[in-house]
Amino acid sequence: MPKEKYRNKFEQACGEALAGLATYEPNKIPYVVHRNYIPDFVGKNKLGDEIIIEAKGFFRVGDIQKYKAIRDSLTINQQLVFILYTPGKLVRKGGRMSMSQWCDKEQIRWFTVEDIANVFK
């Protein structure tokens, strides 16, 4: 079912001018941005899977989308893992979610420097 409400007056004017010719926001179209990523460290676990390690002290603007895209582009034999400097640090200033909570939510394994050896287990 098409949306009835527009996001702004300009879109409303366009929608009225296109009445019957086009539908407003009928669906989502996924897209990919092709970029290159250079991981901080890469190793292999006992099964031979590639472990891609990112050492993070904080997230910059855009990092969340970047790391989700990287995770989603990996093969079955690759895994993105974070080593967090301060797991309890908030993802955004004034936010509620910590970096470790974000990793848990996104199903990305994370470690601290103290338990870094567990990355390969």
C-alpha atoms as a PDB file:
ATOM      1  CA  MET A   1       0.000   0.000   0.000  1.00  0.00           C
ATOM      2  CA  PRO A   2       1.474   3.400  -0.954  1.00  0.00           C
ATOM      3  CA  LYS A   3       2.195   5.999   1.664  1.00  0.00           C
ATOM      4  CA  GLU A   4      -0.279   8.827   2.053  1.00  0.00           C
ATOM      5  CA  LYS A   5       1.970  11.176   4.013  1.00  0.00           C
ATOM      6  CA  TYR A   6       4.946  12.967   2.457  1.00  0.00           C
ATOM      7  CA  ARG A   7       8.187  13.878   4.217  1.00  0.00           C
ATOM      8  CA  ASN A   8       8.006  17.544   3.232  1.00  0.00           C
ATOM      9  CA  LYS A   9       5.970  20.058   1.250  1.00  0.00           C
ATOM     10  CA  PHE A  10       8.165  19.777  -1.839  1.00  0.00           C
ATOM     11  CA  GLU A  11       7.628  16.007  -2.047  1.00  0.00           C
ATOM     12  CA  GLN A  12       3.914  16.618  -1.536  1.00  0.00           C
ATOM     13  CA  ALA A  13       3.866  19.073  -4.463  1.00  0.00           C
ATOM     14  CA  CYS A  14       5.737  16.550  -6.628  1.00  0.00           C
ATOM     15  CA  GLY A  15       3.336  13.804  -5.576  1.00  0.00           C
ATOM     16  CA  GLU A  16       0.336  15.906  -6.469  1.00  0.00           C
ATOM     17  CA  ALA A  17       1.872  16.765  -9.854  1.00  0.00           C
ATOM     18  CA  LEU A  18       2.598  13.064 -10.474  1.00  0.00           C
ATOM     19  CA  ALA A  19      -0.802  11.845  -9.275  1.00  0.00           C
ATOM     20  CA  GLY A  20      -1.657   8.612 -11.062  1.00  0.00           C
ATOM     21  CA  LEU A  21       1.726   8.497 -12.844  1.00  0.00           C
ATOM     22  CA  ALA A  22       4.000   7.394 -10.032  1.00  0.00           C
ATOM     23  CA  THR A  23       3.737   5.923  -6.513  1.00  0.00           C
ATOM     24  CA  TYR A  24       5.363   7.607  -3.534  1.00  0.00           C
ATOM     25  CA  GLU A  25       7.990   5.471  -1.714  1.00  0.00           C
ATOM     26  CA  PRO A  26       6.519   2.116  -2.769  1.00  0.00           C
ATOM     27  CA  ASN A  27       9.559  -0.006  -1.833  1.00  0.00           C
ATOM     28  CA  LYS A  28      13.170  -0.117  -0.687  1.00  0.00           C
ATOM     29  CA  ILE A  29      16.031  -0.676  -3.114  1.00  0.00           C
ATOM     30  CA  PRO A  30      19.223  -1.994  -1.501  1.00  0.00           C
ATOM     31  CA  TYR A  31      22.511  -0.642  -2.791  1.00  0.00           C
ATOM     32  CA  VAL A  32      26.196  -1.315  -2.297  1.00  0.00           C
ATOM     33  CA  VAL A  33      28.985   1.207  -1.981  1.00  0.00           C
ATOM     34  CA  HIS A  34      32.230  -0.311  -3.239  1.00  0.00           C
ATOM     35  CA  ARG A  35      35.117   0.633  -0.989  1.00  0.00           C
ATOM     36  CA  ASN A  36      38.303  -1.000   0.224  1.00  0.00           C
ATOM     37  CA  TYR A  37      38.977  -1.899   3.841  1.00  0.00           C
ATOM     38  CA  ILE A  38      42.397  -2.468   5.356  1.00  0.00           C
ATOM     39  CA  PRO A  39      42.074  -4.457   8.600  1.00  0.00           C
ATOM     40  CA  ASP A  40      44.357  -3.777  11.538  1.00  0.00           C
ATOM     41  CA  PHE A  41      45.322  -7.456  11.930  1.00  0.00           C
ATOM     42  CA  VAL A  42      44.533 -10.754  10.181  1.00  0.00           C
ATOM     43  CA  GLY A  43      45.150 -14.251  11.500  1.00  0.00           C
ATOM     44  CA  LYS A  44      43.754 -17.774  11.274  1.00  0.00           C
ATOM     45  CA  ASN A  45      41.979 -19.824  13.924  1.00  0.00           C
ATOM     46  CA  LYS A  46      42.474 -23.574  14.504  1.00  0.00           C
ATOM     47  CA  LEU A  47      39.896 -24.385  11.812  1.00  0.00           C
ATOM     48  CA  GLY A  48      41.782 -22.300   9.239  1.00  0.00           C
ATOM     49  CA  ASP A  49      39.164 -19.542   9.163  1.00  0.00           C
ATOM     50  CA  GLU A  50      40.466 -16.029   8.602  1.00  0.00           C
ATOM     51  CA  ILE A  51      40.002 -13.761  11.618  1.00  0.00           C
ATOM     52  CA  ILE A  52      39.910 -10.074  10.688  1.00  0.00           C
ATOM     53  CA  ILE A  53      40.742  -8.008  13.751  1.00  0.00           C
ATOM     54  CA  GLU A  54      39.914  -4.350  14.216  1.00  0.00           C
ATOM     55  CA  ALA A  55      41.375  -2.532  17.248  1.00  0.00           C
ATOM     56  CA  LYS A  56      38.897   0.200  18.237  1.00  0.00           C
ATOM     57  CA  GLY A  57      39.119   2.927  20.838  1.00  0.00           C
ATOM     58  CA  PHE A  58      36.037   4.724  19.540  1.00  0.00           C
ATOM     59  CA  PHE A  59      33.671   4.792  16.581  1.00  0.00           C
ATOM     60  CA  ARG A  60      33.910   7.651  14.109  1.00  0.00           C
ATOM     61  CA  VAL A  61      30.863   8.947  12.267  1.00  0.00           C
ATOM     62  CA  GLY A  62      29.931   6.347   9.666  1.00  0.00           C
ATOM     63  CA  ASP A  63      31.853   3.484  11.288  1.00  0.00           C
ATOM     64  CA  ILE A  64      28.731   1.578  12.299  1.00  0.00           C
ATOM     65  CA  GLN A  65      27.472   1.349   8.730  1.00  0.00           C
ATOM     66  CA  LYS A  66      30.975   0.615   7.467  1.00  0.00           C
ATOM     67  CA  TYR A  67      31.565  -2.315   9.813  1.00  0.00           C
ATOM     68  CA  LYS A  68      28.116  -3.792   9.189  1.00  0.00           C
ATOM     69  CA  ALA A  69      28.821  -3.628   5.434  1.00  0.00           C
ATOM     70  CA  ILE A  70      32.232  -5.237   5.937  1.00  0.00           C
ATOM     71  CA  ARG A  71      30.738  -7.995   8.091  1.00  0.00           C
ATOM     72  CA  ASP A  72      28.028  -8.642   5.506  1.00  0.00           C
ATOM     73  CA  SER A  73      30.567  -8.879   2.668  1.00  0.00           C
ATOM     74  CA  LEU A  74      32.770 -11.528   4.300  1.00  0.00           C
ATOM     75  CA  THR A  75      32.803 -15.134   3.159  1.00  0.00           C
ATOM     76  CA  ILE A  76      31.775 -18.039   5.387  1.00  0.00           C
ATOM     77  CA  ASN A  77      35.459 -18.641   6.273  1.00  0.00           C
ATOM     78  CA  GLN A  78      36.046 -15.072   7.444  1.00  0.00           C
ATOM     79  CA  GLN A  79      35.071 -13.373  10.672  1.00  0.00           C
ATOM     80  CA  LEU A  80      35.269  -9.749  11.796  1.00  0.00           C
ATOM     81  CA  VAL A  81      36.341  -9.367  15.439  1.00  0.00           C
ATOM     82  CA  PHE A  82      36.871  -6.219  17.517  1.00  0.00           C
ATOM     83  CA  ILE A  83      39.415  -5.604  20.238  1.00  0.00           C
ATOM     84  CA  LEU A  84      37.851  -2.790  22.251  1.00  0.00           C
ATOM     85  CA  TYR A  85      39.991  -0.400  24.261  1.00  0.00           C
ATOM     86  CA  THR A  86      37.039   0.579  26.486  1.00  0.00           C
ATOM     87  CA  PRO A  87      34.072  -1.783  25.962  1.00  0.00           C
ATOM     88  CA  GLY A  88      31.764   0.424  28.060  1.00  0.00           C
ATOM     89  CA  LYS A  89      32.453   3.561  26.015  1.00  0.00           C
ATOM     90  CA  LEU A  90      29.313   4.904  24.375  1.00  0.00           C
ATOM     91  CA  VAL A  91      29.014   4.522  20.603  1.00  0.00           C
ATOM     92  CA  ARG A  92      27.861   8.143  20.366  1.00  0.00           C
ATOM     93  CA  LYS A  93      28.177  11.035  22.777  1.00  0.00           C
ATOM     94  CA  GLY A  94      24.902  11.241  24.668  1.00  0.00           C
ATOM     95  CA  GLY A  95      23.850   7.805  23.396  1.00  0.00           C
ATOM     96  CA  ARG A  96      22.741   4.822  25.455  1.00  0.00           C
ATOM     97  CA  MET A  97      24.541   1.945  23.748  1.00  0.00           C
ATOM     98  CA  SER A  98      28.130   1.044  24.541  1.00  0.00           C
ATOM     99  CA  MET A  99      30.577  -0.278  21.963  1.00  0.00           C
ATOM    100  CA  SER A 100      30.382  -3.782  23.448  1.00  0.00           C
ATOM    101  CA  GLN A 101      26.563  -3.676  23.414  1.00  0.00           C
ATOM    102  CA  TRP A 102      26.634  -2.635  19.762  1.00  0.00           C
ATOM    103  CA  CYS A 103      28.966  -5.560  18.959  1.00  0.00           C
ATOM    104  CA  ASP A 104      26.654  -7.949  20.804  1.00  0.00           C
ATOM    105  CA  LYS A 105      23.610  -6.560  18.971  1.00  0.00           C
ATOM    106  CA  GLU A 106      25.338  -6.955  15.602  1.00  0.00           C
ATOM    107  CA  GLN A 107      26.662 -10.411  16.522  1.00  0.00           C
ATOM    108  CA  ILE A 108      30.285  -9.320  16.159  1.00  0.00           C
ATOM    109  CA  ARG A 109      32.656 -10.942  18.644  1.00  0.00           C
ATOM    110  CA  TRP A 110      34.677  -8.538  20.763  1.00  0.00           C
ATOM    111  CA  PHE A 111      37.558  -8.808  23.190  1.00  0.00           C
ATOM    112  CA  THR A 112      39.784  -6.603  25.308  1.00  0.00           C
ATOM    113  CA  VAL A 113      43.577  -6.527  25.206  1.00  0.00           C
ATOM    114  CA  GLU A 114      43.578  -8.664  28.368  1.00  0.00           C
ATOM    115  CA  ASP A 115      41.676 -11.523  26.704  1.00  0.00           C
ATOM    116  CA  ILE A 116      43.034 -11.056  23.190  1.00  0.00           C
ATOM    117  CA  ALA A 117      44.400 -14.620  23.015  1.00  0.00           C
ATOM    118  CA  ASN A 118      40.791 -15.884  22.999  1.00  0.00           C
ATOM    119  CA  VAL A 119      40.297 -14.336  19.541  1.00  0.00           C
ATOM    120  CA  PHE A 120      41.699 -17.493  17.939  1.00  0.00           C
ATOM    121  CA  LYS A 121      39.765 -20.023  20.010  1.00  0.00           C
END
